[in-house]
């Protein structure tokens, strides 16, 4: 979690404000940490749709050749 807290703590001037900002972030990201990882899978599915619709076809094809798990 330090990789998430460090930028917040760097930007915020008050440590208590940084704590509450971090607490709100963790509450919003809570589904990503469920045992079934359903939240993480839905985010990966959403980003794969962005890749397929917004990125050039050749780049998407390259990702599929590396690993189907990437998308």
C-alpha atoms as a PDB file:
ATOM      1  CA  UNK A   1       0.000   0.000   0.000  1.00  0.00           C
ATOM      2  CA  UNK A   2       2.958   2.307   0.365  1.00  0.00           C
ATOM      3  CA  UNK A   3       3.067   2.743  -3.414  1.00  0.00           C
ATOM      4  CA  UNK A   4      -0.426   4.230  -3.208  1.00  0.00           C
ATOM      5  CA  UNK A   5       0.150   6.270  -0.078  1.00  0.00           C
ATOM      6  CA  UNK A   6       3.523   7.770  -0.992  1.00  0.00           C
ATOM      7  CA  UNK A   7       2.272  10.124  -3.739  1.00  0.00           C
ATOM      8  CA  UNK A   8      -0.650  11.219  -1.573  1.00  0.00           C
ATOM      9  CA  UNK A   9       1.610  11.933   1.358  1.00  0.00           C
ATOM     10  CA  UNK A  10       4.025  13.811  -0.894  1.00  0.00           C
ATOM     11  CA  UNK A  11       1.307  16.066  -2.332  1.00  0.00           C
ATOM     12  CA  UNK A  12      -0.731  16.671   0.813  1.00  0.00           C
ATOM     13  CA  UNK A  13       0.612  19.216   3.261  1.00  0.00           C
ATOM     14  CA  UNK A  14      -1.078  17.788   6.330  1.00  0.00           C
ATOM     15  CA  UNK A  15      -0.488  14.192   7.406  1.00  0.00           C
ATOM     16  CA  UNK A  16      -4.023  13.805   8.755  1.00  0.00           C
ATOM     17  CA  UNK A  17      -5.495  14.983   5.422  1.00  0.00           C
ATOM     18  CA  UNK A  18      -3.272  12.478   3.641  1.00  0.00           C
ATOM     19  CA  UNK A  19      -4.598   9.731   5.919  1.00  0.00           C
ATOM     20  CA  UNK A  20      -8.233  10.543   5.161  1.00  0.00           C
ATOM     21  CA  UNK A  21      -7.518  10.797   1.453  1.00  0.00           C
ATOM     22  CA  UNK A  22      -5.835   7.391   1.576  1.00  0.00           C
ATOM     23  CA  UNK A  23      -8.724   5.937   3.593  1.00  0.00           C
ATOM     24  CA  UNK A  24     -11.206   7.166   0.964  1.00  0.00           C
ATOM     25  CA  UNK A  25      -9.045   5.709  -1.810  1.00  0.00           C
ATOM     26  CA  UNK A  26      -8.932   2.329  -0.069  1.00  0.00           C
ATOM     27  CA  UNK A  27     -12.695   2.382   0.415  1.00  0.00           C
ATOM     28  CA  UNK A  28     -13.179   3.090  -3.283  1.00  0.00           C
ATOM     29  CA  UNK A  29     -10.705   0.369  -4.275  1.00  0.00           C
ATOM     30  CA  UNK A  30     -12.062  -2.234  -1.836  1.00  0.00           C
ATOM     31  CA  UNK A  31     -13.507  -4.518  -4.564  1.00  0.00           C
ATOM     32  CA  UNK A  32      -9.994  -4.952  -5.974  1.00  0.00           C
ATOM     33  CA  UNK A  33      -8.932  -6.722  -2.805  1.00  0.00           C
ATOM     34  CA  UNK A  34     -11.731  -9.272  -2.475  1.00  0.00           C
ATOM     35  CA  UNK A  35     -10.645 -12.882  -2.398  1.00  0.00           C
ATOM     36  CA  UNK A  36     -12.441 -13.674  -5.672  1.00  0.00           C
ATOM     37  CA  UNK A  37     -10.698 -10.710  -7.402  1.00  0.00           C
ATOM     38  CA  UNK A  38     -13.934  -9.834  -9.181  1.00  0.00           C
ATOM     39  CA  UNK A  39     -13.191  -6.095  -9.030  1.00  0.00           C
ATOM     40  CA  UNK A  40      -9.746  -6.553 -10.528  1.00  0.00           C
ATOM     41  CA  UNK A  41     -11.116  -8.718 -13.339  1.00  0.00           C
ATOM     42  CA  UNK A  42     -13.764  -6.124 -14.204  1.00  0.00           C
ATOM     43  CA  UNK A  43     -11.119  -3.380 -14.364  1.00  0.00           C
ATOM     44  CA  UNK A  44      -8.895  -5.501 -16.618  1.00  0.00           C
ATOM     45  CA  UNK A  45     -11.868  -6.226 -18.875  1.00  0.00           C
ATOM     46  CA  UNK A  46     -12.657  -2.506 -19.088  1.00  0.00           C
ATOM     47  CA  UNK A  47      -9.076  -1.586 -19.979  1.00  0.00           C
ATOM     48  CA  UNK A  48      -8.930  -4.353 -22.588  1.00  0.00           C
ATOM     49  CA  UNK A  49     -12.001  -2.818 -24.258  1.00  0.00           C
ATOM     50  CA  UNK A  50     -10.212   0.540 -24.364  1.00  0.00           C
ATOM     51  CA  UNK A  51      -7.188  -1.087 -25.982  1.00  0.00           C
ATOM     52  CA  UNK A  52      -9.270  -2.838 -28.599  1.00  0.00           C
ATOM     53  CA  UNK A  53     -11.356   0.222 -29.542  1.00  0.00           C
ATOM     54  CA  UNK A  54      -8.770   2.998 -29.221  1.00  0.00           C
ATOM     55  CA  UNK A  55      -5.413   1.444 -30.063  1.00  0.00           C
ATOM     56  CA  UNK A  56      -4.258   0.564 -33.559  1.00  0.00           C
ATOM     57  CA  UNK A  57      -5.079  -2.944 -34.678  1.00  0.00           C
ATOM     58  CA  UNK A  58      -1.445  -3.978 -35.066  1.00  0.00           C
ATOM     59  CA  UNK A  59      -0.608  -3.119 -31.468  1.00  0.00           C
ATOM     60  CA  UNK A  60      -3.586  -5.073 -30.156  1.00  0.00           C
ATOM     61  CA  UNK A  61      -2.619  -8.018 -32.357  1.00  0.00           C
ATOM     62  CA  UNK A  62       0.909  -7.843 -30.966  1.00  0.00           C
ATOM     63  CA  UNK A  63      -0.414  -8.004 -27.388  1.00  0.00           C
ATOM     64  CA  UNK A  64      -2.471 -11.067 -28.298  1.00  0.00           C
ATOM     65  CA  UNK A  65       0.582 -12.780 -29.752  1.00  0.00           C
ATOM     66  CA  UNK A  66       2.548 -12.196 -26.545  1.00  0.00           C
ATOM     67  CA  UNK A  67      -0.127 -13.570 -24.276  1.00  0.00           C
ATOM     68  CA  UNK A  68      -3.875 -13.822 -24.326  1.00  0.00           C
ATOM     69  CA  UNK A  69      -3.816 -13.027 -20.597  1.00  0.00           C
ATOM     70  CA  UNK A  70      -2.649  -9.481 -21.323  1.00  0.00           C
ATOM     71  CA  UNK A  71      -6.054  -8.605 -22.675  1.00  0.00           C
END
